[in-house]
Amino acid sequence: MFEQLLPKQVDAAEFVLKKKTVGLFLEQGVGKTWVTAGVIERLMPQSPEILLVVLLTNLETTWTRMLEKLNGLTVCRTWPEFKTTVGPKALLIHYESIPHIRKSYKQQITKNQWNAVLADESQKIK
């Protein structure tokens, strides 16, 4: 995956990997999903636990297709599935589902030691 990135995307991914907290505010169409996949690929050898919060409209399209290209990464769609999966894994949830997640799961998700938390379309956070 990383080798498929364009030079500017590699720069963005490497910038993210060097920081503890970072926001990438890039124009539409420059490949933020690809950059994110490249970052996840580089984190995978550390058996990461990654939380991805994305829009409902691209949950099963853009993100799922991209993440399935990363060999060895399991994409989970529920907290119980995530907790029983071993190895590199990503919990993929959408903003619209957050109010409906069981309270006990929300507490566990909040307390989990994530290697990375990635929010697509960050304006939805508010």
Protein backbone atom coordinates (compact mmCIF):
# COMPACT_ATOMS: atom_id res chain seq x y z
CA MET A 1 0.00 0.00 0.00
CA PHE A 2 2.66 2.51 1.06
CA GLU A 3 4.56 1.94 -2.16
CA GLN A 4 1.44 2.92 -4.14
CA LEU A 5 1.21 6.36 -2.55
CA LEU A 6 2.10 9.47 -4.51
CA PRO A 7 5.11 11.46 -3.21
CA LYS A 8 2.91 14.07 -1.47
CA GLN A 9 0.85 11.31 0.12
CA VAL A 10 4.04 9.65 1.40
CA ASP A 11 5.07 13.01 2.88
CA ALA A 12 1.70 13.31 4.63
CA ALA A 13 1.84 9.73 5.98
CA GLU A 14 5.39 10.16 7.27
CA PHE A 15 4.38 13.45 8.91
CA VAL A 16 1.53 11.66 10.72
CA LEU A 17 3.78 8.82 11.84
CA LYS A 18 6.26 11.24 13.44
CA LYS A 19 3.63 13.00 15.57
CA LYS A 20 1.76 11.96 18.68
CA THR A 21 -1.28 14.06 17.79
CA VAL A 22 -1.89 15.41 14.33
CA GLY A 23 -4.63 16.70 12.07
CA LEU A 24 -4.45 16.51 8.31
CA PHE A 25 -6.73 19.06 6.73
CA LEU A 26 -6.38 18.30 3.06
CA GLU A 27 -8.51 19.27 0.10
CA GLN A 28 -11.09 16.89 -1.27
CA GLY A 29 -9.70 14.41 -3.76
CA VAL A 30 -6.05 14.37 -2.69
CA GLY A 31 -6.20 10.86 -1.25
CA LYS A 32 -6.66 11.18 2.51
CA THR A 33 -8.03 7.63 2.62
CA TRP A 34 -4.88 6.37 0.90
CA VAL A 35 -2.69 8.33 3.33
CA THR A 36 -4.61 6.84 6.25
CA ALA A 37 -4.25 3.32 4.85
CA GLY A 38 -0.51 3.91 4.46
CA VAL A 39 -0.28 5.02 8.09
CA ILE A 40 -2.22 1.96 9.26
CA GLU A 41 0.01 -0.31 7.18
CA ARG A 42 3.11 1.14 8.87
CA LEU A 43 1.53 0.67 12.33
CA MET A 44 0.47 -2.94 11.69
CA PRO A 45 3.74 -4.66 12.68
CA GLN A 46 3.15 -3.31 16.19
CA SER A 47 -0.23 -5.20 16.28
CA PRO A 48 -2.18 -1.98 16.49
CA GLU A 49 -5.65 -1.36 17.73
CA ILE A 50 -7.08 1.41 15.61
CA LEU A 51 -10.38 3.25 15.89
CA LEU A 52 -11.73 4.72 12.67
CA VAL A 53 -14.73 7.02 12.86
CA VAL A 54 -16.17 7.69 9.43
CA LEU A 55 -19.27 8.84 7.64
CA LEU A 56 -22.10 6.35 7.23
CA THR A 57 -22.18 6.90 3.48
CA ASN A 58 -18.66 5.57 2.94
CA LEU A 59 -18.43 3.02 5.78
CA GLU A 60 -18.94 0.00 3.55
CA THR A 61 -17.54 1.51 0.39
CA THR A 62 -14.37 3.56 0.45
CA TRP A 63 -13.06 2.53 3.86
CA THR A 64 -13.89 -1.16 3.70
CA ARG A 65 -12.43 -1.57 0.22
CA MET A 66 -9.27 0.26 1.21
CA LEU A 67 -8.72 -1.54 4.50
CA GLU A 68 -9.32 -4.96 2.94
CA LYS A 69 -6.24 -4.32 0.81
CA LEU A 70 -4.06 -4.36 3.94
CA ASN A 71 -2.99 -7.98 4.42
CA GLY A 72 -3.21 -9.05 8.03
CA LEU A 73 -5.59 -6.32 9.19
CA THR A 74 -9.01 -7.40 10.46
CA VAL A 75 -11.77 -4.83 9.99
CA CYS A 76 -14.30 -5.08 12.81
CA ARG A 77 -17.71 -3.40 12.83
CA THR A 78 -18.77 -4.09 16.42
CA TRP A 79 -17.06 -3.82 19.79
CA PRO A 80 -17.59 -7.53 20.69
CA GLU A 81 -16.05 -8.54 17.33
CA PHE A 82 -13.13 -6.19 17.96
CA LYS A 83 -12.45 -7.50 21.47
CA THR A 84 -12.36 -11.14 20.33
CA THR A 85 -10.10 -10.54 17.33
CA VAL A 86 -6.38 -11.18 17.73
CA GLY A 87 -3.68 -9.30 15.83
CA PRO A 88 -3.78 -6.01 13.94
CA LYS A 89 -7.35 -4.77 13.88
CA ALA A 90 -9.44 -1.71 13.23
CA LEU A 91 -12.83 -0.87 14.68
CA LEU A 92 -14.77 0.89 11.96
CA ILE A 93 -17.75 2.88 13.25
CA HIS A 94 -19.74 5.74 11.81
CA TYR A 95 -20.72 9.00 13.45
CA GLU A 96 -24.43 8.28 13.17
CA SER A 97 -24.09 5.06 15.21
CA ILE A 98 -22.31 6.62 18.19
CA PRO A 99 -25.49 7.67 20.07
CA HIS A 100 -26.83 4.12 19.65
CA ILE A 101 -23.80 2.19 20.93
CA ARG A 102 -24.55 0.47 24.23
CA LYS A 103 -23.37 2.49 27.21
CA SER A 104 -21.10 -0.32 28.46
CA TYR A 105 -19.45 -0.56 25.04
CA LYS A 106 -18.97 3.22 24.86
CA GLN A 107 -17.15 3.12 28.19
CA GLN A 108 -14.90 0.28 27.01
CA ILE A 109 -14.21 1.99 23.68
CA THR A 110 -13.31 5.20 25.52
CA LYS A 111 -10.96 3.42 27.93
CA ASN A 112 -9.26 1.22 25.31
CA GLN A 113 -5.57 1.92 24.66
CA TRP A 114 -5.74 2.83 20.97
CA ASN A 115 -2.60 2.96 18.84
CA ALA A 116 -4.41 5.45 16.62
CA VAL A 117 -7.79 7.16 16.48
CA LEU A 118 -8.67 8.45 13.05
CA ALA A 119 -11.66 10.65 12.29
CA ASP A 120 -12.74 11.16 8.71
CA GLU A 121 -14.61 14.38 7.97
CA SER A 122 -13.61 15.88 11.32
CA GLN A 123 -16.26 18.60 11.12
CA LYS A 124 -18.71 15.87 12.26
CA ILE A 125 -16.95 15.63 15.65
CA LYS A 126 -18.77 18.64 17.02
